[in-house]
Amino acid sequence: MTIIKKYSLYLIFAIALVGTLVSIYFSDILGWAPCVLCWYQRIFLYPLVIISLVGILRKDPQVHTYITPIAIIGALVSLFHNFLYWGIVPESAAPCQAGVSCTAEYLKLYGFVTIPLLCLVAFVLIIILAFLSKKNYENK
């Protein structure tokens, strides 16, 4: 666990960067149009690449205070998106009334891994790693 704490900011950067590049690949290369909730999730994911990189370069012990709120809001949007996808929340509650549906199925790995689920996992991992980053600086 200590090595994960030590490199938690690097892992946050990697997760945010991969998520950003994959979302750009899906929309710009594969031509999969993102829904409104996907755009909101991108709004919260993309800045984490820059924030985590600046935190790494400046060795900022407080970078978790910038990352955590953004990741929590992104995770909540993603959780709502997953609830829509799973049918827990009715599609009439979705902001995706015009254009691409928030429940459009572009990707389904292993029968259950969807783009909204991947995004939720990314945000949850970032939140956990931000907490570990805080603990890492507290122990120094």
N, C-alpha and C. Protein backbone atom coordinates (compact mmCIF):
# COMPACT_ATOMS: atom_id res chain seq x y z
N MET A 1 0.83 -1.20 0.00
CA MET A 1 0.00 0.00 0.00
C MET A 1 0.87 1.26 0.00
N THR A 2 2.04 1.17 0.59
CA THR A 2 2.91 2.34 0.67
C THR A 2 3.34 2.82 -0.70
N ILE A 3 3.62 1.91 -1.60
CA ILE A 3 4.03 2.31 -2.96
C ILE A 3 2.88 3.00 -3.69
N ILE A 4 1.66 2.55 -3.43
CA ILE A 4 0.49 3.20 -4.05
C ILE A 4 0.33 4.61 -3.50
N LYS A 5 0.53 4.77 -2.18
CA LYS A 5 0.47 6.10 -1.58
C LYS A 5 1.53 7.01 -2.21
N LYS A 6 2.73 6.48 -2.35
CA LYS A 6 3.84 7.27 -2.86
C LYS A 6 3.58 7.77 -4.28
N TYR A 7 2.97 6.94 -5.09
CA TYR A 7 2.74 7.29 -6.49
C TYR A 7 1.27 7.60 -6.79
N SER A 8 0.50 7.93 -5.78
CA SER A 8 -0.94 8.15 -5.97
C SER A 8 -1.23 9.28 -6.96
N LEU A 9 -0.47 10.36 -6.90
CA LEU A 9 -0.70 11.46 -7.85
C LEU A 9 -0.39 11.05 -9.27
N TYR A 10 0.63 10.24 -9.44
CA TYR A 10 0.98 9.75 -10.78
C TYR A 10 -0.14 8.84 -11.31
N LEU A 11 -0.72 8.05 -10.41
CA LEU A 11 -1.83 7.18 -10.82
C LEU A 11 -3.07 8.00 -11.17
N ILE A 12 -3.33 9.05 -10.38
CA ILE A 12 -4.45 9.94 -10.70
C ILE A 12 -4.24 10.55 -12.08
N PHE A 13 -3.02 11.04 -12.31
CA PHE A 13 -2.71 11.63 -13.62
C PHE A 13 -2.93 10.61 -14.73
N ALA A 14 -2.45 9.38 -14.54
CA ALA A 14 -2.59 8.34 -15.57
C ALA A 14 -4.05 8.00 -15.83
N ILE A 15 -4.83 7.85 -14.77
CA ILE A 15 -6.26 7.51 -14.94
C ILE A 15 -6.98 8.63 -15.67
N ALA A 16 -6.74 9.87 -15.25
CA ALA A 16 -7.41 11.01 -15.89
C ALA A 16 -6.97 11.16 -17.35
N LEU A 17 -5.68 10.96 -17.61
CA LEU A 17 -5.17 11.08 -18.98
C LEU A 17 -5.74 9.98 -19.87
N VAL A 18 -5.73 8.75 -19.39
CA VAL A 18 -6.29 7.65 -20.19
C VAL A 18 -7.78 7.88 -20.43
N GLY A 19 -8.52 8.28 -19.40
CA GLY A 19 -9.95 8.56 -19.56
C GLY A 19 -10.20 9.66 -20.58
N THR A 20 -9.38 10.70 -20.54
CA THR A 20 -9.51 11.80 -21.48
C THR A 20 -9.22 11.33 -22.91
N LEU A 21 -8.12 10.63 -23.09
CA LEU A 21 -7.74 10.17 -24.43
C LEU A 21 -8.75 9.16 -24.99
N VAL A 22 -9.24 8.27 -24.15
CA VAL A 22 -10.23 7.28 -24.60
C VAL A 22 -11.54 7.97 -25.00
N SER A 23 -11.97 8.96 -24.21
CA SER A 23 -13.21 9.65 -24.57
C SER A 23 -13.06 10.42 -25.87
N ILE A 24 -11.90 11.01 -26.09
CA ILE A 24 -11.65 11.70 -27.36
C ILE A 24 -11.61 10.70 -28.51
N TYR A 25 -11.00 9.54 -28.27
CA TYR A 25 -10.95 8.49 -29.28
C TYR A 25 -12.36 8.02 -29.64
N PHE A 26 -13.18 7.78 -28.63
CA PHE A 26 -14.56 7.33 -28.88
C PHE A 26 -15.33 8.34 -29.73
N SER A 27 -15.20 9.62 -29.39
CA SER A 27 -16.01 10.61 -30.10
C SER A 27 -15.39 11.07 -31.43
N ASP A 28 -14.09 11.29 -31.45
CA ASP A 28 -13.47 11.86 -32.65
C ASP A 28 -12.99 10.83 -33.66
N ILE A 29 -12.57 9.67 -33.20
CA ILE A 29 -12.07 8.64 -34.11
C ILE A 29 -13.19 7.66 -34.49
N LEU A 30 -13.89 7.14 -33.48
CA LEU A 30 -14.97 6.19 -33.75
C LEU A 30 -16.28 6.87 -34.14
N GLY A 31 -16.39 8.15 -33.85
CA GLY A 31 -17.59 8.89 -34.23
C GLY A 31 -18.79 8.67 -33.31
N TRP A 32 -18.55 8.20 -32.09
CA TRP A 32 -19.64 7.99 -31.14
C TRP A 32 -19.96 9.33 -30.47
N ALA A 33 -21.12 9.86 -30.76
CA ALA A 33 -21.51 11.15 -30.20
C ALA A 33 -21.80 11.01 -28.70
N PRO A 34 -21.19 11.85 -27.87
CA PRO A 34 -21.45 11.78 -26.43
C PRO A 34 -22.80 12.41 -26.08
N CYS A 35 -23.45 11.85 -25.09
CA CYS A 35 -24.71 12.42 -24.61
C CYS A 35 -24.41 13.58 -23.67
N VAL A 36 -25.44 14.24 -23.19
CA VAL A 36 -25.27 15.39 -22.29
C VAL A 36 -24.53 14.99 -21.02
N LEU A 37 -24.92 13.87 -20.42
CA LEU A 37 -24.25 13.45 -19.18
C LEU A 37 -22.79 13.07 -19.43
N CYS A 38 -22.50 12.51 -20.60
CA CYS A 38 -21.10 12.22 -20.95
C CYS A 38 -20.28 13.52 -21.02
N TRP A 39 -20.89 14.55 -21.57
CA TRP A 39 -20.20 15.84 -21.63
C TRP A 39 -19.94 16.37 -20.23
N TYR A 40 -20.93 16.27 -19.34
CA TYR A 40 -20.73 16.73 -17.96
C TYR A 40 -19.60 15.97 -17.29
N GLN A 41 -19.55 14.66 -17.51
CA GLN A 41 -18.48 13.86 -16.92
C GLN A 41 -17.12 14.28 -17.48
N ARG A 42 -17.08 14.59 -18.76
CA ARG A 42 -15.83 15.07 -19.37
C ARG A 42 -15.41 16.40 -18.75
N ILE A 43 -16.37 17.26 -18.47
CA ILE A 43 -16.07 18.56 -17.87
C ILE A 43 -15.35 18.38 -16.54
N PHE A 44 -15.70 17.34 -15.81
CA PHE A 44 -15.05 17.09 -14.52
C PHE A 44 -13.79 16.24 -14.64
N LEU A 45 -13.66 15.45 -15.69
CA LEU A 45 -12.49 14.58 -15.84
C LEU A 45 -11.30 15.30 -16.46
N TYR A 46 -11.53 16.04 -17.52
CA TYR A 46 -10.42 16.65 -18.27
C TYR A 46 -9.53 17.56 -17.40
N PRO A 47 -10.08 18.42 -16.54
CA PRO A 47 -9.20 19.27 -15.73
C PRO A 47 -8.31 18.50 -14.76
N LEU A 48 -8.73 17.29 -14.40
CA LEU A 48 -7.94 16.50 -13.45
C LEU A 48 -6.57 16.13 -14.02
N VAL A 49 -6.48 16.05 -15.35
CA VAL A 49 -5.18 15.79 -15.98
C VAL A 49 -4.22 16.94 -15.65
N ILE A 50 -4.68 18.15 -15.86
CA ILE A 50 -3.83 19.33 -15.64
C ILE A 50 -3.57 19.55 -14.16
N ILE A 51 -4.60 19.44 -13.34
CA ILE A 51 -4.44 19.67 -11.90
C ILE A 51 -3.47 18.66 -11.29
N SER A 52 -3.61 17.39 -11.65
CA SER A 52 -2.71 16.39 -11.08
C SER A 52 -1.28 16.59 -11.59
N LEU A 53 -1.12 16.95 -12.85
CA LEU A 53 0.23 17.20 -13.39
C LEU A 53 0.89 18.39 -12.69
N VAL A 54 0.15 19.45 -12.49
CA VAL A 54 0.70 20.61 -11.78
C VAL A 54 1.04 20.23 -10.34
N GLY A 55 0.18 19.43 -9.71
CA GLY A 55 0.46 18.97 -8.35
C GLY A 55 1.73 18.14 -8.28
N ILE A 56 1.95 17.31 -9.28
CA ILE A 56 3.17 16.49 -9.34
C ILE A 56 4.40 17.38 -9.52
N LEU A 57 4.32 18.30 -10.48
CA LEU A 57 5.48 19.16 -10.79
C LEU A 57 5.82 20.11 -9.64
N ARG A 58 4.81 20.60 -8.95
CA ARG A 58 5.04 21.54 -7.85
C ARG A 58 5.22 20.84 -6.51
N LYS A 59 5.01 19.52 -6.51
CA LYS A 59 5.06 18.74 -5.26
C LYS A 59 4.15 19.37 -4.21
N ASP A 60 2.94 19.71 -4.65
CA ASP A 60 1.96 20.39 -3.82
C ASP A 60 1.30 19.41 -2.85
N PRO A 61 1.52 19.56 -1.55
CA PRO A 61 0.92 18.63 -0.59
C PRO A 61 -0.59 18.82 -0.44
N GLN A 62 -1.12 19.89 -0.99
CA GLN A 62 -2.56 20.17 -0.88
C GLN A 62 -3.33 19.86 -2.15
N VAL A 63 -2.70 19.24 -3.13
CA VAL A 63 -3.35 19.01 -4.43
C VAL A 63 -4.61 18.17 -4.27
N HIS A 64 -4.66 17.32 -3.27
CA HIS A 64 -5.86 16.50 -3.06
C HIS A 64 -7.09 17.37 -2.78
N THR A 65 -6.88 18.58 -2.21
CA THR A 65 -8.02 19.46 -1.92
C THR A 65 -8.62 20.04 -3.20
N TYR A 66 -7.86 20.05 -4.29
CA TYR A 66 -8.38 20.50 -5.58
C TYR A 66 -9.00 19.35 -6.36
N ILE A 67 -8.38 18.20 -6.24
CA ILE A 67 -8.82 17.03 -7.01
C ILE A 67 -10.10 16.43 -6.46
N THR A 68 -10.18 16.26 -5.14
CA THR A 68 -11.28 15.53 -4.52
C THR A 68 -12.67 16.10 -4.84
N PRO A 69 -12.91 17.40 -4.67
CA PRO A 69 -14.26 17.90 -4.96
C PRO A 69 -14.68 17.72 -6.43
N ILE A 70 -13.74 17.93 -7.33
CA ILE A 70 -14.04 17.76 -8.75
C ILE A 70 -14.38 16.31 -9.04
N ALA A 71 -13.59 15.40 -8.49
CA ALA A 71 -13.82 13.97 -8.71
C ALA A 71 -15.13 13.50 -8.07
N ILE A 72 -15.47 14.04 -6.91
CA ILE A 72 -16.73 13.65 -6.25
C ILE A 72 -17.93 14.10 -7.09
N ILE A 73 -17.90 15.32 -7.58
CA ILE A 73 -19.00 15.80 -8.43
C ILE A 73 -19.08 14.96 -9.71
N GLY A 74 -17.93 14.68 -10.31
CA GLY A 74 -17.90 13.83 -11.51
C GLY A 74 -18.46 12.45 -11.22
N ALA A 75 -18.11 11.89 -10.06
CA ALA A 75 -18.62 10.56 -9.68
C ALA A 75 -20.13 10.59 -9.47
N LEU A 76 -20.66 11.67 -8.91
CA LEU A 76 -22.11 11.77 -8.70
C LEU A 76 -22.84 11.85 -10.04
N VAL A 77 -22.30 12.63 -10.98
CA VAL A 77 -22.90 12.70 -12.31
C VAL A 77 -22.84 11.32 -12.97
N SER A 78 -21.71 10.66 -12.82
CA SER A 78 -21.53 9.34 -13.40
C SER A 78 -22.46 8.31 -12.75
N LEU A 79 -22.63 8.41 -11.44
CA LEU A 79 -23.54 7.50 -10.75
C LEU A 79 -24.97 7.69 -11.24
N PHE A 80 -25.38 8.95 -11.40
CA PHE A 80 -26.72 9.23 -11.95
C PHE A 80 -26.85 8.64 -13.35
N HIS A 81 -25.80 8.80 -14.15
CA HIS A 81 -25.81 8.26 -15.52
C HIS A 81 -25.96 6.74 -15.49
N ASN A 82 -25.25 6.09 -14.57
CA ASN A 82 -25.37 4.64 -14.45
C ASN A 82 -26.77 4.24 -13.98
N PHE A 83 -27.34 4.99 -13.07
CA PHE A 83 -28.72 4.70 -12.62
C PHE A 83 -29.70 4.79 -13.78
N LEU A 84 -29.49 5.77 -14.66
CA LEU A 84 -30.32 5.86 -15.87
C LEU A 84 -30.11 4.63 -16.75
N TYR A 85 -28.87 4.28 -16.92
CA TYR A 85 -28.49 3.16 -17.78
C TYR A 85 -29.08 1.84 -17.27
N TRP A 86 -29.06 1.66 -15.95
CA TRP A 86 -29.56 0.43 -15.33
C TRP A 86 -31.07 0.43 -15.17
N GLY A 87 -31.74 1.55 -15.45
CA GLY A 87 -33.19 1.63 -15.33
C GLY A 87 -33.68 1.94 -13.93
N ILE A 88 -32.79 2.30 -13.03
CA ILE A 88 -33.18 2.67 -11.66
C ILE A 88 -33.88 4.02 -11.67
N VAL A 89 -33.36 4.93 -12.47
CA VAL A 89 -33.97 6.24 -12.68
C VAL A 89 -34.63 6.21 -14.05
N PRO A 90 -35.88 6.67 -14.17
CA PRO A 90 -36.53 6.63 -15.49
C PRO A 90 -35.85 7.57 -16.48
N GLU A 91 -35.85 7.16 -17.73
CA GLU A 91 -35.19 7.95 -18.77
C GLU A 91 -35.82 9.34 -18.93
N SER A 92 -37.06 9.49 -18.49
CA SER A 92 -37.71 10.81 -18.56
C SER A 92 -37.02 11.81 -17.64
N ALA A 93 -36.24 11.35 -16.66
CA ALA A 93 -35.51 12.24 -15.75
C ALA A 93 -34.17 12.67 -16.33
N ALA A 94 -33.80 12.14 -17.46
CA ALA A 94 -32.50 12.44 -18.06
C ALA A 94 -32.50 13.79 -18.75
N PRO A 95 -31.37 14.49 -18.69
CA PRO A 95 -31.27 15.75 -19.43
C PRO A 95 -31.06 15.52 -20.92
N CYS A 96 -31.01 14.26 -21.34
CA CYS A 96 -30.71 13.89 -22.73
C CYS A 96 -32.00 13.72 -23.54
N GLN A 97 -32.87 14.68 -23.50
CA GLN A 97 -34.13 14.55 -24.21
C GLN A 97 -33.98 14.77 -25.71
N ALA A 98 -33.05 15.63 -26.10
CA ALA A 98 -32.80 15.88 -27.52
C ALA A 98 -31.39 15.40 -27.85
N GLY A 99 -31.21 14.88 -29.02
CA GLY A 99 -29.89 14.40 -29.42
C GLY A 99 -29.66 12.97 -29.00
N VAL A 100 -28.45 12.68 -28.58
CA VAL A 100 -28.05 11.32 -28.22
C VAL A 100 -28.67 10.93 -26.88
N SER A 101 -29.21 9.74 -26.83
CA SER A 101 -29.82 9.24 -25.60
C SER A 101 -28.74 8.93 -24.57
N CYS A 102 -29.05 9.19 -23.30
CA CYS A 102 -28.10 8.88 -22.22
C CYS A 102 -28.01 7.39 -21.96
N THR A 103 -28.87 6.62 -22.59
CA THR A 103 -28.83 5.17 -22.41
C THR A 103 -28.43 4.44 -23.69
N ALA A 104 -27.91 5.20 -24.66
CA ALA A 104 -27.45 4.58 -25.90
C ALA A 104 -26.29 3.64 -25.58
N GLU A 105 -26.34 2.46 -26.14
CA GLU A 105 -25.33 1.44 -25.83
C GLU A 105 -24.30 1.37 -26.95
N TYR A 106 -23.13 1.98 -26.69
CA TYR A 106 -22.04 1.94 -27.66
C TYR A 106 -21.07 0.81 -27.35
N LEU A 107 -20.89 0.54 -26.09
CA LEU A 107 -19.87 -0.41 -25.65
C LEU A 107 -20.42 -1.24 -24.50
N LYS A 108 -20.20 -2.54 -24.55
CA LYS A 108 -20.62 -3.41 -23.45
C LYS A 108 -19.63 -4.57 -23.37
N LEU A 109 -18.60 -4.39 -22.56
CA LEU A 109 -17.57 -5.41 -22.38
C LEU A 109 -18.02 -6.41 -21.33
N TYR A 110 -17.79 -7.67 -21.59
CA TYR A 110 -18.14 -8.75 -20.66
C TYR A 110 -19.62 -8.75 -20.28
N GLY A 111 -20.44 -8.12 -21.07
CA GLY A 111 -21.87 -8.12 -20.84
C GLY A 111 -22.37 -7.09 -19.84
N PHE A 112 -21.47 -6.34 -19.20
CA PHE A 112 -21.94 -5.36 -18.21
C PHE A 112 -21.08 -4.10 -18.11
N VAL A 113 -19.88 -4.09 -18.63
CA VAL A 113 -19.00 -2.93 -18.51
C VAL A 113 -19.32 -1.95 -19.63
N THR A 114 -19.90 -0.80 -19.24
CA THR A 114 -20.31 0.23 -20.20
C THR A 114 -19.43 1.47 -20.03
N ILE A 115 -19.58 2.41 -20.92
CA ILE A 115 -18.82 3.66 -20.82
C ILE A 115 -19.15 4.40 -19.52
N PRO A 116 -20.43 4.54 -19.15
CA PRO A 116 -20.71 5.20 -17.87
C PRO A 116 -20.10 4.47 -16.67
N LEU A 117 -20.06 3.15 -16.71
CA LEU A 117 -19.47 2.40 -15.60
C LEU A 117 -17.95 2.61 -15.56
N LEU A 118 -17.30 2.64 -16.71
CA LEU A 118 -15.87 2.91 -16.75
C LEU A 118 -15.57 4.29 -16.16
N CYS A 119 -16.40 5.25 -16.48
CA CYS A 119 -16.21 6.60 -15.97
C CYS A 119 -16.40 6.64 -14.46
N LEU A 120 -17.41 5.94 -13.96
CA LEU A 120 -17.65 5.90 -12.52
C LEU A 120 -16.45 5.26 -11.81
N VAL A 121 -15.95 4.17 -12.34
CA VAL A 121 -14.79 3.50 -11.75
C VAL A 121 -13.58 4.45 -11.74
N ALA A 122 -13.38 5.18 -12.82
CA ALA A 122 -12.25 6.12 -12.89
C ALA A 122 -12.37 7.18 -11.80
N PHE A 123 -13.56 7.77 -11.65
CA PHE A 123 -13.74 8.79 -10.62
C PHE A 123 -13.56 8.22 -9.21
N VAL A 124 -14.08 7.05 -8.96
CA VAL A 124 -13.94 6.44 -7.63
C VAL A 124 -12.46 6.15 -7.34
N LEU A 125 -11.75 5.62 -8.31
CA LEU A 125 -10.31 5.39 -8.12
C LEU A 125 -9.56 6.70 -7.85
N ILE A 126 -9.91 7.74 -8.56
CA ILE A 126 -9.27 9.04 -8.35
C ILE A 126 -9.55 9.56 -6.95
N ILE A 127 -10.77 9.40 -6.47
CA ILE A 127 -11.11 9.84 -5.11
C ILE A 127 -10.29 9.07 -4.07
N ILE A 128 -10.22 7.76 -4.23
CA ILE A 128 -9.44 6.92 -3.31
C ILE A 128 -7.97 7.32 -3.34
N LEU A 129 -7.43 7.50 -4.54
CA LEU A 129 -6.02 7.87 -4.67
C LEU A 129 -5.74 9.28 -4.12
N ALA A 130 -6.70 10.19 -4.26
CA ALA A 130 -6.53 11.54 -3.68
C ALA A 130 -6.47 11.45 -2.16
N PHE A 131 -7.30 10.58 -1.58
CA PHE A 131 -7.26 10.36 -0.14
C PHE A 131 -5.90 9.78 0.27
N LEU A 132 -5.41 8.81 -0.49
CA LEU A 132 -4.09 8.22 -0.20
C LEU A 132 -2.97 9.24 -0.37
N SER A 133 -3.12 10.14 -1.34
CA SER A 133 -2.15 11.21 -1.54
C SER A 133 -2.09 12.10 -0.31
N LYS A 134 -3.24 12.41 0.24
CA LYS A 134 -3.30 13.22 1.46
C LYS A 134 -2.59 12.50 2.60
N LYS A 135 -2.87 11.22 2.75
CA LYS A 135 -2.23 10.44 3.81
C LYS A 135 -0.71 10.36 3.61
N ASN A 136 -0.28 10.29 2.36
CA ASN A 136 1.14 10.23 2.06
C ASN A 136 1.85 11.50 2.53
N TYR A 137 1.25 12.66 2.28
CA TYR A 137 1.87 13.91 2.69
C TYR A 137 1.78 14.12 4.19
N GLU A 138 0.75 13.59 4.83
CA GLU A 138 0.62 13.69 6.29
C GLU A 138 1.70 12.89 6.99
N ASN A 139 2.14 11.79 6.38
CA ASN A 139 3.14 10.92 7.00
C ASN A 139 4.56 11.41 6.81
N LYS A 140 4.77 12.46 6.04
CA LYS A 140 6.13 12.96 5.78
C LYS A 140 6.56 13.93 6.86
